[in-house]
Protein backbone atom coordinates (compact mmCIF):
# COMPACT_ATOMS: atom_id res chain seq x y z
CA MET A 1 -53.30 -27.64 17.38
CA GLY A 2 -50.45 -25.54 15.85
CA LEU A 3 -51.23 -22.58 13.87
CA ILE A 4 -50.34 -23.08 10.05
CA ARG A 5 -48.00 -20.46 8.85
CA LYS A 6 -49.38 -18.56 5.69
CA ALA A 7 -47.27 -18.64 2.31
CA SER A 8 -47.05 -14.73 2.84
CA GLU A 9 -45.20 -15.17 6.52
CA THR A 10 -42.68 -17.48 5.40
CA PRO A 11 -39.23 -15.87 6.13
CA ALA A 12 -37.20 -14.36 3.31
CA PRO A 13 -34.14 -15.94 2.48
CA ALA A 14 -31.14 -14.26 4.59
CA ARG A 15 -29.23 -10.67 3.01
CA LEU A 16 -25.68 -10.74 4.74
CA HIS A 17 -23.64 -7.57 5.03
CA VAL A 18 -20.42 -8.39 5.42
CA GLY A 19 -17.86 -6.19 7.37
CA CYS A 20 -20.65 -3.53 7.97
CA GLY A 21 -18.67 -1.34 10.15
CA GLN A 22 -21.09 1.78 11.00
CA GLU A 23 -22.66 1.21 7.74
CA ALA A 24 -25.62 -1.11 8.56
CA ILE A 25 -28.14 -1.93 5.92
CA PRO A 26 -32.15 -2.30 7.20
CA GLY A 27 -33.31 -5.51 6.33
CA TRP A 28 -29.69 -7.47 6.00
CA ILE A 29 -27.83 -9.15 8.57
CA ASN A 30 -24.90 -7.11 9.37
CA LEU A 31 -22.14 -8.56 10.42
CA ASP A 32 -18.55 -7.12 11.76
CA SER A 33 -16.00 -8.46 13.93
CA ARG A 34 -16.53 -5.61 16.34
CA VAL A 35 -19.61 -4.81 18.37
CA LEU A 36 -21.13 -1.38 16.67
CA PRO A 37 -24.12 -0.09 16.08
CA GLY A 38 -26.16 -1.89 13.84
CA VAL A 39 -24.32 -4.79 13.79
CA ASP A 40 -26.57 -8.00 14.10
CA ARG A 41 -23.89 -10.46 14.59
CA VAL A 42 -20.25 -10.21 15.62
CA LEU A 43 -18.13 -13.07 14.30
CA ASP A 44 -14.95 -13.61 12.33
CA VAL A 45 -15.36 -15.08 8.61
CA ARG A 46 -12.25 -16.44 8.88
CA ASP A 47 -14.13 -18.76 10.89
CA GLY A 48 -16.53 -19.69 8.36
CA LEU A 49 -20.54 -18.23 7.90
CA PRO A 50 -23.10 -20.05 10.00
CA PHE A 51 -25.81 -19.63 7.45
CA ASP A 52 -27.47 -21.41 4.36
CA ASN A 53 -29.48 -20.61 1.40
CA VAL A 54 -28.96 -17.05 1.64
CA SER A 55 -29.94 -15.05 -1.43
CA ALA A 56 -27.32 -12.21 -0.95
CA ILE A 57 -24.00 -11.44 0.07
CA TYR A 58 -22.84 -8.02 0.18
CA ALA A 59 -18.86 -6.90 1.03
CA GLU A 60 -17.86 -3.08 0.68
CA HIS A 61 -13.92 -2.59 1.08
CA PHE A 62 -13.51 -5.82 2.61
CA LEU A 63 -11.58 -8.03 0.94
CA GLU A 64 -8.61 -6.62 0.61
CA HIS A 65 -8.20 -6.80 4.48
CA LEU A 66 -8.09 -10.06 4.61
CA ALA A 67 -4.93 -12.22 3.51
CA PHE A 68 -4.57 -13.80 -0.05
CA GLU A 69 -5.30 -17.50 1.31
CA ASP A 70 -8.42 -16.15 3.82
CA GLY A 71 -9.94 -14.05 1.05
CA LEU A 72 -9.86 -17.18 -0.95
CA ALA A 73 -11.53 -19.65 1.46
CA PHE A 74 -13.95 -16.59 2.35
CA LEU A 75 -15.00 -16.55 -1.29
CA LYS A 76 -15.45 -20.39 -1.49
CA GLU A 77 -17.45 -20.45 2.25
CA CYS A 78 -19.87 -17.43 -0.12
CA ARG A 79 -20.51 -19.82 -2.51
CA ARG A 80 -20.90 -22.48 -0.04
CA VAL A 81 -23.66 -20.91 2.01
CA LEU A 82 -25.36 -18.86 -0.88
CA SER A 83 -28.60 -20.56 -2.40
CA PRO A 84 -28.06 -22.04 -6.07
CA VAL A 85 -29.77 -18.62 -7.23
CA GLY A 86 -27.73 -16.38 -4.53
CA VAL A 87 -25.22 -13.64 -5.46
CA LEU A 88 -22.31 -12.30 -3.73
CA ARG A 89 -21.85 -8.74 -4.51
CA LEU A 90 -18.12 -7.37 -4.04
CA SER A 91 -16.24 -3.77 -3.64
CA THR A 92 -12.55 -3.75 -4.00
CA PRO A 93 -9.58 -1.21 -4.47
CA ASN A 94 -8.45 -1.50 -7.85
CA LEU A 95 -4.71 -2.42 -8.43
CA ASP A 96 -4.58 -1.05 -12.06
CA TRP A 97 -5.94 2.41 -10.82
CA VAL A 98 -3.99 2.64 -7.97
CA PHE A 99 -0.81 2.44 -10.24
CA ALA A 100 -1.91 4.41 -12.78
CA THR A 101 -2.50 7.06 -10.62
CA HIS A 102 -0.36 6.97 -7.99
CA TYR A 103 2.71 6.18 -9.93
CA ARG A 104 4.78 8.16 -12.33
CA THR A 105 8.12 6.81 -13.73
CA GLY A 106 10.58 8.48 -16.43
CA PRO A 107 14.00 10.21 -17.34
CA GLU A 108 11.69 13.48 -16.60
CA THR A 109 9.77 12.82 -12.89
CA PRO A 110 11.74 14.46 -10.46
CA SER A 111 13.11 13.26 -7.28
CA ASP A 112 10.86 14.70 -5.22
CA VAL A 113 7.56 13.49 -6.92
CA LYS A 114 9.42 9.80 -7.09
CA VAL A 115 9.43 9.98 -3.56
CA HIS A 116 6.26 11.16 -2.98
CA ASP A 117 4.84 8.44 -5.39
CA CYS A 118 6.72 5.67 -3.72
CA LEU A 119 5.36 6.57 -0.37
CA GLN A 120 1.66 6.72 -2.26
CA LEU A 121 1.94 3.69 -3.77
CA ASN A 122 3.04 1.94 -0.56
CA LYS A 123 0.14 3.38 1.58
CA ALA A 124 -2.44 2.19 -1.22
CA PHE A 125 -0.69 -1.45 -0.33
CA HIS A 126 -0.43 -1.28 3.64
CA GLY A 127 -2.65 1.51 4.79
CA TRP A 128 -6.11 0.99 6.24
CA GLY A 129 -5.15 -2.64 7.00
CA HIS A 130 -5.11 -3.44 3.62
CA GLN A 131 -3.51 -7.08 2.96
CA PHE A 132 -4.31 -7.57 -0.96
CA LEU A 133 -5.12 -5.52 -4.06
CA TYR A 134 -6.56 -6.95 -6.59
CA ASN A 135 -7.01 -6.08 -10.39
CA ARG A 136 -10.29 -7.54 -11.80
CA GLU A 137 -8.13 -10.31 -14.10
CA THR A 138 -6.94 -11.64 -10.40
CA LEU A 139 -10.43 -11.13 -8.54
CA GLU A 140 -12.34 -12.98 -11.31
CA SER A 141 -9.65 -15.83 -11.10
CA ALA A 142 -10.04 -15.79 -7.39
CA LEU A 143 -13.90 -15.95 -7.77
CA ARG A 144 -13.88 -18.91 -10.26
CA ALA A 145 -11.17 -20.89 -8.05
CA ALA A 146 -13.82 -20.38 -5.39
CA GLY A 147 -16.75 -22.31 -7.64
CA PHE A 148 -18.43 -19.65 -9.22
CA ALA A 149 -19.83 -19.90 -12.65
CA VAL A 150 -20.83 -16.48 -13.54
CA VAL A 151 -18.91 -13.29 -12.96
CA SER A 152 -20.18 -9.97 -14.18
CA PHE A 153 -18.80 -6.60 -13.32
CA HIS A 154 -20.78 -3.03 -12.27
CA ARG A 155 -20.31 0.34 -12.28
CA TYR A 156 -20.57 2.20 -8.68
CA GLY A 157 -24.23 1.73 -7.05
CA GLU A 158 -25.72 -0.29 -10.64
CA SER A 159 -26.71 -3.88 -10.65
CA ASP A 160 -29.02 -6.02 -13.17
CA ALA A 161 -30.66 -7.20 -9.53
CA MET A 162 -32.86 -4.49 -7.55
CA GLU A 163 -31.86 -5.66 -4.33
CA LEU A 164 -28.27 -4.84 -5.36
CA ARG A 165 -28.43 -1.62 -6.49
CA GLY A 166 -27.39 1.55 -4.67
CA LEU A 167 -26.00 -0.20 -2.09
CA GLU A 168 -22.28 1.47 -1.67
CA ARG A 169 -21.51 3.91 0.58
CA HIS A 170 -17.51 4.21 0.33
CA GLN A 171 -16.23 7.89 -0.76
CA THR A 172 -16.11 7.68 -4.54
CA TRP A 173 -13.18 9.16 -6.71
CA GLU A 174 -13.13 10.56 -10.18
CA ASP A 175 -12.48 7.77 -12.83
CA THR A 176 -13.88 6.34 -16.06
CA PRO A 177 -15.76 3.15 -16.65
CA GLU A 178 -12.73 2.06 -18.80
CA LEU A 179 -10.57 2.42 -15.21
CA PRO A 180 -12.45 2.49 -12.28
CA HIS A 181 -10.71 3.47 -8.74
CA VAL A 182 -12.93 -0.16 -7.60
CA ILE A 183 -13.71 -3.26 -8.82
CA ILE A 184 -17.31 -3.88 -8.14
CA ALA A 185 -17.56 -7.70 -9.33
CA GLU A 186 -21.02 -9.87 -8.95
CA ALA A 187 -20.57 -13.64 -8.49
CA SER A 188 -23.12 -16.43 -8.89
CA GLY A 189 -23.89 -19.81 -10.23
CA ALA A 190 -21.87 -22.91 -9.14
CA GLN A 191 -18.83 -25.12 -10.94
CA SER A 192 -16.27 -27.60 -10.40
CA PRO A 193 -13.39 -24.91 -8.84
CA SER A 194 -10.91 -23.19 -11.55
CA PRO A 195 -7.09 -23.67 -10.63
CA LEU A 196 -4.98 -20.38 -10.28
CA PRO A 197 -1.76 -20.14 -11.39
CA GLN A 198 -0.29 -22.81 -9.15
CA LYS A 199 3.76 -21.41 -9.69
CA ALA A 200 3.14 -18.18 -9.32
CA LEU A 201 0.71 -18.71 -6.68
CA GLN A 202 3.05 -20.65 -4.78
CA GLU A 203 6.15 -18.16 -5.27
CA PHE A 204 3.70 -15.66 -4.07
CA LEU A 205 2.92 -17.71 -0.98
CA GLU A 206 6.64 -18.89 -0.13
CA ALA A 207 7.32 -14.98 -0.18
CA ILE A 208 4.87 -13.55 2.10
CA HIS A 209 5.39 -15.99 4.67
CA THR A 210 9.40 -15.95 5.00
CA LYS A 211 10.39 -14.36 8.09
């Protein structure tokens, strides 16, 4: 006769830390595309997430490393594997902050400053393997296009959910509540996907795929 599992022994729903690198979080399933210390599963999220009924997904400075179409597919996959009450927490560079702090214009701006700022701005876009930078509005639109019903924004390390507090590991910069250097979003609930602006999206995709 088999043993009856006590209610207290029921495994807790999985929590996924996507793109963990070498910053594994104890108690989470740490995922990365490379074999690194602390990584529990090596996988490419572009092939999907082999999980279901997940309670939380956390991805810090990860989304910007995916092409826009892959990023949207990843967000849809997150919505699919999360439980009805599960939460996705994302941290990604803020395009508005990058532009405001990296690019100075105007007739009084010296030529050497313009050259410097041009290089800095392009570094933010293309450095470190970045493929697409979001502003707050575009990230929210992408999350709603992925089928999330509720989207909220938070400060570094802060959350309404206890298990999502104090997770950020990346370096912080001086910024303000009005213009943070990263966008930290939490998404939950389910709804019919809200379409992205199709004309602008199609023009963008055609341009970036032109060879």
